[in-house]
Amino acid sequence: MNNPGDYHDRSVYRHNILKNNLILKNITVKETDLYISSDIDISETAIKSVHRLRSSLESYIKLNKEFASSLIPVPYDEFAPEIVREMMHVSRMAGVGPMASVAGAIAEGVGRDIGSGVENVIIENGGDIYLNLKRDVTIGIFSGKSRLNEKISIKVRKEEMPLGICTSSGTVGHSMSFGVADACCVKSRSTALADAAATAIGNLVKSKKDLRKALEAGMQIDGVQGILIIIDDQLGAMGNLELAK
């Protein structure tokens, strides 16, 4: 997943997706930059969760450097920590390197650790979003300099959650993408899979002509529920998505 490029972009993006009359907290641990929206202050639990997840991941990478650098799936290791195994699994489904799912995997892992202690929670990590609420929510789509920036939203119904909405971009942020889409959003029950799939699908978008091909290829990934791609003034969508202006 690609982070919005600078502080202003992140602030605008987060303001637009997290306006839900909930308590807002920003938690940063090294490269992990979470913005949490919840009924109650869950900062302490979230910080402990981030440290636990990052410790497992960092310890594994020290012994298996290929995990961090590979742009293709790596062999599954049944003895690896849970978050590593999850990243291996979803990256193989999407056909990308395991680190393409890291932001979504951490957001989802924190959400699981928080568990049933809070009724409504949104965890955003670099634009990748874990949602678990008892009410409907609308997620605004940040697409940088596209003419459709902040003009399109995805509505998520309460019965669909927990759910992940993740976005990759070839024009916004600093993460690696081989495509030119301003935003490639994926909806999935698995936030980690949504993150990996967004990268894989975004990589296929080399021009506006590739919209349909990328959408059709992405819907072949098991677990992907819906896809939205924005490139300049064009939009393509497929699957179970409820769009709103």
C-alpha atoms as a PDB file:
ATOM      1  CA  MET A   1       0.000   0.000   0.000  1.00  0.00           C
ATOM      2  CA  ASN A   2       1.167   3.530  -0.736  1.00  0.00           C
ATOM      3  CA  ASN A   3       1.073   6.176   1.974  1.00  0.00           C
ATOM      4  CA  PRO A   4      -0.274   9.591   1.020  1.00  0.00           C
ATOM      5  CA  GLY A   5       2.890  11.470   0.152  1.00  0.00           C
ATOM      6  CA  ASP A   6       3.287  14.206   2.769  1.00  0.00           C
ATOM      7  CA  TYR A   7       1.852  15.321   6.099  1.00  0.00           C
ATOM      8  CA  HIS A   8      -0.797  17.541   4.509  1.00  0.00           C
ATOM      9  CA  ASP A   9      -2.006  14.724   2.282  1.00  0.00           C
ATOM     10  CA  ARG A  10      -2.198  12.319   5.227  1.00  0.00           C
ATOM     11  CA  SER A  11      -4.113  14.840   7.331  1.00  0.00           C
ATOM     12  CA  VAL A  12      -6.676  15.497   4.597  1.00  0.00           C
ATOM     13  CA  TYR A  13      -7.029  11.798   3.836  1.00  0.00           C
ATOM     14  CA  ARG A  14      -7.522  10.820   7.461  1.00  0.00           C
ATOM     15  CA  HIS A  15      -9.947  13.651   8.110  1.00  0.00           C
ATOM     16  CA  ASN A  16     -12.104  12.426   5.251  1.00  0.00           C
ATOM     17  CA  ILE A  17     -12.219   8.733   6.165  1.00  0.00           C
ATOM     18  CA  LEU A  18     -12.531   9.018   9.927  1.00  0.00           C
ATOM     19  CA  LYS A  19     -15.311  11.574  10.502  1.00  0.00           C
ATOM     20  CA  ASN A  20     -17.504   9.238  12.536  1.00  0.00           C
ATOM     21  CA  ASN A  21     -17.972  10.947  15.941  1.00  0.00           C
ATOM     22  CA  LEU A  22     -15.460   8.583  17.509  1.00  0.00           C
ATOM     23  CA  ILE A  23     -12.330   9.117  19.605  1.00  0.00           C
ATOM     24  CA  LEU A  24      -9.309   9.658  17.337  1.00  0.00           C
ATOM     25  CA  LYS A  25      -5.786   8.567  18.287  1.00  0.00           C
ATOM     26  CA  ASN A  26      -2.539   8.556  16.307  1.00  0.00           C
ATOM     27  CA  ILE A  27      -0.037   5.807  17.203  1.00  0.00           C
ATOM     28  CA  THR A  28       3.404   5.720  15.581  1.00  0.00           C
ATOM     29  CA  VAL A  29       5.998   2.976  16.101  1.00  0.00           C
ATOM     30  CA  LYS A  30       8.891   3.204  13.639  1.00  0.00           C
ATOM     31  CA  GLU A  31       7.378   2.866  10.134  1.00  0.00           C
ATOM     32  CA  THR A  32       3.947   1.931  11.489  1.00  0.00           C
ATOM     33  CA  ASP A  33       1.687   4.986  11.582  1.00  0.00           C
ATOM     34  CA  LEU A  34      -1.805   4.102  12.799  1.00  0.00           C
ATOM     35  CA  TYR A  35      -4.799   6.376  13.044  1.00  0.00           C
ATOM     36  CA  ILE A  36      -7.444   4.756  15.230  1.00  0.00           C
ATOM     37  CA  SER A  37     -11.064   5.816  15.510  1.00  0.00           C
ATOM     38  CA  SER A  38     -13.000   4.079  18.307  1.00  0.00           C
ATOM     39  CA  ASP A  39     -15.729   4.348  20.956  1.00  0.00           C
ATOM     40  CA  ILE A  40     -13.218   4.430  23.792  1.00  0.00           C
ATOM     41  CA  ASP A  41      -9.523   5.187  24.128  1.00  0.00           C
ATOM     42  CA  ILE A  42      -7.760   1.938  23.235  1.00  0.00           C
ATOM     43  CA  SER A  43      -4.284   3.444  22.829  1.00  0.00           C
ATOM     44  CA  GLU A  44      -2.599   1.243  25.456  1.00  0.00           C
ATOM     45  CA  THR A  45      -3.876  -1.995  23.953  1.00  0.00           C
ATOM     46  CA  ALA A  46      -3.084  -0.821  20.424  1.00  0.00           C
ATOM     47  CA  ILE A  47       0.501   0.184  21.294  1.00  0.00           C
ATOM     48  CA  LYS A  48       1.152  -3.193  22.933  1.00  0.00           C
ATOM     49  CA  SER A  49      -0.285  -4.920  19.876  1.00  0.00           C
ATOM     50  CA  VAL A  50       1.870  -2.933  17.433  1.00  0.00           C
ATOM     51  CA  HIS A  51       5.024  -3.716  19.409  1.00  0.00           C
ATOM     52  CA  ARG A  52       4.128  -7.418  19.564  1.00  0.00           C
ATOM     53  CA  LEU A  53       3.390  -7.640  15.844  1.00  0.00           C
ATOM     54  CA  ARG A  54       6.454  -5.646  14.813  1.00  0.00           C
ATOM     55  CA  SER A  55       8.712  -7.651  17.130  1.00  0.00           C
ATOM     56  CA  SER A  56       7.555 -10.923  15.550  1.00  0.00           C
ATOM     57  CA  LEU A  57       7.999  -9.528  12.056  1.00  0.00           C
ATOM     58  CA  GLU A  58      11.380  -7.892  12.659  1.00  0.00           C
ATOM     59  CA  SER A  59      12.795 -11.004  14.370  1.00  0.00           C
ATOM     60  CA  TYR A  60      11.766 -13.158  11.426  1.00  0.00           C
ATOM     61  CA  ILE A  61      13.226 -10.752   8.870  1.00  0.00           C
ATOM     62  CA  LYS A  62      16.597 -10.760  10.659  1.00  0.00           C
ATOM     63  CA  LEU A  63      16.854 -14.487   9.984  1.00  0.00           C
ATOM     64  CA  ASN A  64      15.097 -14.495   6.601  1.00  0.00           C
ATOM     65  CA  LYS A  65      16.064 -11.362   4.681  1.00  0.00           C
ATOM     66  CA  GLU A  66      14.435 -12.629   1.484  1.00  0.00           C
ATOM     67  CA  PHE A  67      11.052 -12.129   3.170  1.00  0.00           C
ATOM     68  CA  ALA A  68      11.569  -8.355   3.244  1.00  0.00           C
ATOM     69  CA  SER A  69      13.030  -7.953  -0.250  1.00  0.00           C
ATOM     70  CA  SER A  70      11.181 -10.452  -2.436  1.00  0.00           C
ATOM     71  CA  LEU A  71       8.746  -9.086  -5.034  1.00  0.00           C
ATOM     72  CA  ILE A  72       7.228 -12.547  -5.496  1.00  0.00           C
ATOM     73  CA  PRO A  73       5.704 -14.965  -2.972  1.00  0.00           C
ATOM     74  CA  VAL A  74       8.148 -16.789  -0.712  1.00  0.00           C
ATOM     75  CA  PRO A  75       7.864 -20.421   0.448  1.00  0.00           C
ATOM     76  CA  TYR A  76       5.409 -20.925   3.292  1.00  0.00           C
ATOM     77  CA  ASP A  77       7.003 -21.466   6.708  1.00  0.00           C
ATOM     78  CA  GLU A  78       4.646 -23.195   9.123  1.00  0.00           C
ATOM     79  CA  PHE A  79       6.946 -22.347  12.030  1.00  0.00           C
ATOM     80  CA  ALA A  80       6.955 -18.596  11.365  1.00  0.00           C
ATOM     81  CA  PRO A  81       5.060 -16.149  13.633  1.00  0.00           C
ATOM     82  CA  GLU A  82       1.346 -15.734  12.956  1.00  0.00           C
ATOM     83  CA  ILE A  83       1.611 -12.366  11.181  1.00  0.00           C
ATOM     84  CA  VAL A  84       4.396 -13.685   8.948  1.00  0.00           C
ATOM     85  CA  ARG A  85       2.373 -16.752   8.016  1.00  0.00           C
ATOM     86  CA  GLU A  86      -0.622 -14.553   7.219  1.00  0.00           C
ATOM     87  CA  MET A  87       1.497 -12.335   4.970  1.00  0.00           C
ATOM     88  CA  MET A  88       2.968 -15.381   3.228  1.00  0.00           C
ATOM     89  CA  HIS A  89      -0.502 -16.794   2.643  1.00  0.00           C
ATOM     90  CA  VAL A  90      -2.176 -13.678   1.223  1.00  0.00           C
ATOM     91  CA  SER A  91       0.832 -12.655  -0.883  1.00  0.00           C
ATOM     92  CA  ARG A  92       0.782 -16.083  -2.525  1.00  0.00           C
ATOM     93  CA  MET A  93      -2.929 -15.651  -3.299  1.00  0.00           C
ATOM     94  CA  ALA A  94      -2.239 -12.253  -4.890  1.00  0.00           C
ATOM     95  CA  GLY A  95       1.066 -13.183  -6.540  1.00  0.00           C
ATOM     96  CA  VAL A  96       3.217 -10.482  -4.918  1.00  0.00           C
ATOM     97  CA  GLY A  97       5.974 -10.254  -2.341  1.00  0.00           C
ATOM     98  CA  PRO A  98       4.909 -10.666   1.306  1.00  0.00           C
ATOM     99  CA  MET A  99       5.763  -7.105   2.336  1.00  0.00           C
ATOM    100  CA  ALA A 100       3.040  -5.868  -0.037  1.00  0.00           C
ATOM    101  CA  SER A 101       0.600  -6.887   2.697  1.00  0.00           C
ATOM    102  CA  VAL A 102       2.410  -5.534   5.766  1.00  0.00           C
ATOM    103  CA  ALA A 103       0.321  -2.403   6.418  1.00  0.00           C
ATOM    104  CA  GLY A 104      -2.955  -4.269   6.094  1.00  0.00           C
ATOM    105  CA  ALA A 105      -1.690  -7.187   8.166  1.00  0.00           C
ATOM    106  CA  ILE A 106      -0.663  -4.919  11.042  1.00  0.00           C
ATOM    107  CA  ALA A 107      -3.924  -2.960  10.950  1.00  0.00           C
ATOM    108  CA  GLU A 108      -5.887  -6.202  11.007  1.00  0.00           C
ATOM    109  CA  GLY A 109      -3.681  -7.704  13.720  1.00  0.00           C
ATOM    110  CA  VAL A 110      -4.258  -4.706  15.980  1.00  0.00           C
ATOM    111  CA  GLY A 111      -7.981  -4.950  15.298  1.00  0.00           C
ATOM    112  CA  ARG A 112      -7.982  -8.592  16.357  1.00  0.00           C
ATOM    113  CA  ASP A 113      -6.008  -7.841  19.512  1.00  0.00           C
ATOM    114  CA  ILE A 114      -8.511  -5.147  20.475  1.00  0.00           C
ATOM    115  CA  GLY A 115     -11.222  -7.743  20.034  1.00  0.00           C
ATOM    116  CA  SER A 116     -14.671  -7.372  21.568  1.00  0.00           C
ATOM    117  CA  GLY A 117     -13.606  -4.706  24.055  1.00  0.00           C
ATOM    118  CA  VAL A 118     -14.874  -1.968  21.743  1.00  0.00           C
ATOM    119  CA  GLU A 119     -18.004  -1.895  19.586  1.00  0.00           C
ATOM    120  CA  ASN A 120     -16.800   0.446  16.857  1.00  0.00           C
ATOM    121  CA  VAL A 121     -13.239   0.716  15.572  1.00  0.00           C
ATOM    122  CA  ILE A 122     -11.495   1.885  12.407  1.00  0.00           C
ATOM    123  CA  ILE A 123      -7.750   1.352  12.092  1.00  0.00           C
ATOM    124  CA  GLU A 124      -5.969   3.116   9.231  1.00  0.00           C
ATOM    125  CA  ASN A 125      -2.347   2.299   8.484  1.00  0.00           C
ATOM    126  CA  GLY A 126      -0.880   4.224   5.550  1.00  0.00           C
ATOM    127  CA  GLY A 127      -4.218   4.231   3.736  1.00  0.00           C
ATOM    128  CA  ASP A 128      -5.045   0.599   4.465  1.00  0.00           C
ATOM    129  CA  ILE A 129      -8.155   0.355   6.610  1.00  0.00           C
ATOM    130  CA  TYR A 130      -9.512  -2.279   9.003  1.00  0.00           C
ATOM    131  CA  LEU A 131     -13.197  -1.708   9.791  1.00  0.00           C
ATOM    132  CA  ASN A 132     -15.297  -3.270  12.528  1.00  0.00           C
ATOM    133  CA  LEU A 133     -18.365  -1.201  13.381  1.00  0.00           C
ATOM    134  CA  LYS A 134     -21.962  -1.707  14.435  1.00  0.00           C
ATOM    135  CA  ARG A 135     -23.140   0.901  11.941  1.00  0.00           C
ATOM    136  CA  ASP A 136     -22.711   1.750   8.274  1.00  0.00           C
ATOM    137  CA  VAL A 137     -19.719   3.879   7.285  1.00  0.00           C
ATOM    138  CA  THR A 138     -18.600   5.760   4.173  1.00  0.00           C
ATOM    139  CA  ILE A 139     -14.927   5.724   3.185  1.00  0.00           C
ATOM    140  CA  GLY A 140     -13.671   8.610   1.039  1.00  0.00           C
ATOM    141  CA  ILE A 141     -11.111   7.744  -1.636  1.00  0.00           C
ATOM    142  CA  PHE A 142      -7.912   9.793  -1.825  1.00  0.00           C
ATOM    143  CA  SER A 143      -6.471   9.716  -5.361  1.00  0.00           C
ATOM    144  CA  GLY A 144      -3.903  12.512  -5.364  1.00  0.00           C
ATOM    145  CA  LYS A 145      -3.972  14.765  -8.419  1.00  0.00           C
ATOM    146  CA  SER A 146      -6.724  12.808 -10.143  1.00  0.00           C
ATOM    147  CA  ARG A 147      -9.762  14.853 -11.155  1.00  0.00           C
ATOM    148  CA  LEU A 148     -11.821  12.413  -9.085  1.00  0.00           C
ATOM    149  CA  ASN A 149      -9.841  12.981  -5.900  1.00  0.00           C
ATOM    150  CA  GLU A 150     -12.160  13.032  -2.855  1.00  0.00           C
ATOM    151  CA  LYS A 151     -15.225  12.869  -5.129  1.00  0.00           C
ATOM    152  CA  ILE A 152     -15.838   9.125  -4.805  1.00  0.00           C
ATOM    153  CA  SER A 153     -16.601   7.124  -1.653  1.00  0.00           C
ATOM    154  CA  ILE A 154     -17.241   3.486  -0.790  1.00  0.00           C
ATOM    155  CA  LYS A 155     -20.138   2.703   1.527  1.00  0.00           C
ATOM    156  CA  VAL A 156     -19.686  -0.267   3.852  1.00  0.00           C
ATOM    157  CA  ARG A 157     -22.694  -1.830   5.576  1.00  0.00           C
ATOM    158  CA  LYS A 158     -22.437  -2.950   9.195  1.00  0.00           C
ATOM    159  CA  GLU A 159     -23.298  -6.547   8.312  1.00  0.00           C
ATOM    160  CA  GLU A 160     -20.221  -6.740   6.042  1.00  0.00           C
ATOM    161  CA  MET A 161     -17.758  -6.118   8.870  1.00  0.00           C
ATOM    162  CA  PRO A 162     -15.097  -6.861   9.980  1.00  0.00           C
ATOM    163  CA  LEU A 163     -13.709  -5.806   6.615  1.00  0.00           C
ATOM    164  CA  GLY A 164     -10.624  -4.398   4.935  1.00  0.00           C
ATOM    165  CA  ILE A 165     -10.472  -1.562   2.389  1.00  0.00           C
ATOM    166  CA  CYS A 166      -6.931  -1.083   1.063  1.00  0.00           C
ATOM    167  CA  THR A 167      -5.500   1.215  -1.591  1.00  0.00           C
ATOM    168  CA  SER A 168      -2.393   1.140  -3.746  1.00  0.00           C
ATOM    169  CA  SER A 169      -1.204   3.997  -5.959  1.00  0.00           C
ATOM    170  CA  GLY A 170       1.389   4.477  -8.642  1.00  0.00           C
ATOM    171  CA  THR A 171       1.244   8.283  -8.334  1.00  0.00           C
ATOM    172  CA  VAL A 172       0.759   8.967  -4.600  1.00  0.00           C
ATOM    173  CA  GLY A 173       3.281   8.164  -1.890  1.00  0.00           C
ATOM    174  CA  HIS A 174       6.620   6.390  -1.771  1.00  0.00           C
ATOM    175  CA  SER A 175       5.832   2.663  -1.787  1.00  0.00           C
ATOM    176  CA  MET A 176       6.720   0.523  -4.772  1.00  0.00           C
ATOM    177  CA  SER A 177       4.166   0.180  -7.562  1.00  0.00           C
ATOM    178  CA  PHE A 178       4.722  -0.794 -11.190  1.00  0.00           C
ATOM    179  CA  GLY A 179       1.460   0.807 -12.328  1.00  0.00           C
ATOM    180  CA  VAL A 180       0.164   4.337 -12.849  1.00  0.00           C
ATOM    181  CA  ALA A 181      -3.265   4.194 -11.192  1.00  0.00           C
ATOM    182  CA  ASP A 182      -3.995   7.129  -8.910  1.00  0.00           C
ATOM    183  CA  ALA A 183      -5.884   4.750  -6.649  1.00  0.00           C
ATOM    184  CA  CYS A 184      -6.544   1.022  -6.744  1.00  0.00           C
ATOM    185  CA  CYS A 185      -8.897   0.093  -3.890  1.00  0.00           C
ATOM    186  CA  VAL A 186      -9.726  -3.464  -2.885  1.00  0.00           C
ATOM    187  CA  LYS A 187     -12.442  -4.697  -0.540  1.00  0.00           C
ATOM    188  CA  SER A 188     -11.977  -7.998   1.282  1.00  0.00           C
ATOM    189  CA  ARG A 189     -12.843  -9.689   4.560  1.00  0.00           C
ATOM    190  CA  SER A 190      -9.074  -9.964   5.039  1.00  0.00           C
ATOM    191  CA  THR A 191      -7.341  -6.588   5.333  1.00  0.00           C
ATOM    192  CA  ALA A 192      -3.985  -8.255   4.679  1.00  0.00           C
ATOM    193  CA  LEU A 193      -5.311  -9.800   1.459  1.00  0.00           C
ATOM    194  CA  ALA A 194      -6.886  -6.504   0.393  1.00  0.00           C
ATOM    195  CA  ASP A 195      -3.474  -4.840   0.784  1.00  0.00           C
ATOM    196  CA  ALA A 196      -1.611  -7.503  -1.216  1.00  0.00           C
ATOM    197  CA  ALA A 197      -4.307  -7.605  -3.901  1.00  0.00           C
ATOM    198  CA  ALA A 198      -4.360  -3.793  -4.251  1.00  0.00           C
ATOM    199  CA  THR A 199      -0.638  -3.897  -5.023  1.00  0.00           C
ATOM    200  CA  ALA A 200      -1.009  -6.758  -7.501  1.00  0.00           C
ATOM    201  CA  ILE A 201      -3.945  -5.152  -9.328  1.00  0.00           C
ATOM    202  CA  GLY A 202      -2.387  -1.694  -9.313  1.00  0.00           C
ATOM    203  CA  ASN A 203       0.739  -3.114 -10.931  1.00  0.00           C
ATOM    204  CA  LEU A 204      -1.346  -4.109 -13.951  1.00  0.00           C
ATOM    205  CA  VAL A 205      -2.565  -0.585 -14.690  1.00  0.00           C
ATOM    206  CA  LYS A 206      -0.016   0.864 -17.138  1.00  0.00           C
ATOM    207  CA  SER A 207      -2.565   3.127 -18.873  1.00  0.00           C
ATOM    208  CA  LYS A 208      -6.300   3.863 -18.990  1.00  0.00           C
ATOM    209  CA  LYS A 209      -6.680   1.029 -21.483  1.00  0.00           C
ATOM    210  CA  ASP A 210      -5.754  -1.467 -18.776  1.00  0.00           C
ATOM    211  CA  LEU A 211      -8.702  -0.736 -16.465  1.00  0.00           C
ATOM    212  CA  ARG A 212     -10.923  -3.641 -17.502  1.00  0.00           C
ATOM    213  CA  LYS A 213      -8.059  -6.126 -17.719  1.00  0.00           C
ATOM    214  CA  ALA A 214      -6.877  -5.202 -14.226  1.00  0.00           C
ATOM    215  CA  LEU A 215     -10.392  -5.380 -12.763  1.00  0.00           C
ATOM    216  CA  GLU A 216     -11.071  -8.775 -14.299  1.00  0.00           C
ATOM    217  CA  ALA A 217      -7.707 -10.155 -13.168  1.00  0.00           C
ATOM    218  CA  GLY A 218      -8.217  -8.833  -9.656  1.00  0.00           C
ATOM    219  CA  MET A 219     -11.623 -10.454  -9.283  1.00  0.00           C
ATOM    220  CA  GLN A 220      -9.948 -13.807  -9.931  1.00  0.00           C
ATOM    221  CA  ILE A 221      -8.078 -13.493  -6.622  1.00  0.00           C
ATOM    222  CA  ASP A 222      -9.935 -15.612  -4.083  1.00  0.00           C
ATOM    223  CA  GLY A 223     -11.260 -13.436  -1.276  1.00  0.00           C
ATOM    224  CA  VAL A 224     -11.455 -10.169  -3.233  1.00  0.00           C
ATOM    225  CA  GLN A 225     -15.022  -8.834  -2.958  1.00  0.00           C
ATOM    226  CA  GLY A 226     -14.747  -5.652  -4.984  1.00  0.00           C
ATOM    227  CA  ILE A 227     -12.283  -3.349  -6.767  1.00  0.00           C
ATOM    228  CA  LEU A 228     -12.257   0.356  -7.599  1.00  0.00           C
ATOM    229  CA  ILE A 229      -9.573   1.870  -9.848  1.00  0.00           C
ATOM    230  CA  ILE A 230      -9.106   5.580 -10.536  1.00  0.00           C
ATOM    231  CA  ILE A 231      -6.712   6.906 -13.149  1.00  0.00           C
ATOM    232  CA  ASP A 232      -6.912  10.626 -13.962  1.00  0.00           C
ATOM    233  CA  ASP A 233     -10.552  11.287 -14.923  1.00  0.00           C
ATOM    234  CA  GLN A 234     -11.542   7.662 -15.412  1.00  0.00           C
ATOM    235  CA  LEU A 235     -13.012   5.209 -12.919  1.00  0.00           C
ATOM    236  CA  GLY A 236     -13.566   1.485 -13.151  1.00  0.00           C
ATOM    237  CA  ALA A 237     -15.278  -0.731 -10.586  1.00  0.00           C
ATOM    238  CA  MET A 238     -16.210  -4.388 -10.332  1.00  0.00           C
ATOM    239  CA  GLY A 239     -17.647  -6.734  -7.731  1.00  0.00           C
ATOM    240  CA  ASN A 240     -19.578  -6.042  -4.549  1.00  0.00           C
ATOM    241  CA  LEU A 241     -19.023  -2.296  -4.108  1.00  0.00           C
ATOM    242  CA  GLU A 242     -21.501   0.394  -3.164  1.00  0.00           C
ATOM    243  CA  LEU A 243     -20.175   3.698  -4.501  1.00  0.00           C
ATOM    244  CA  ALA A 244     -21.238   7.181  -3.426  1.00  0.00           C
ATOM    245  CA  LYS A 245     -20.235  10.712  -4.389  1.00  0.00           C
END
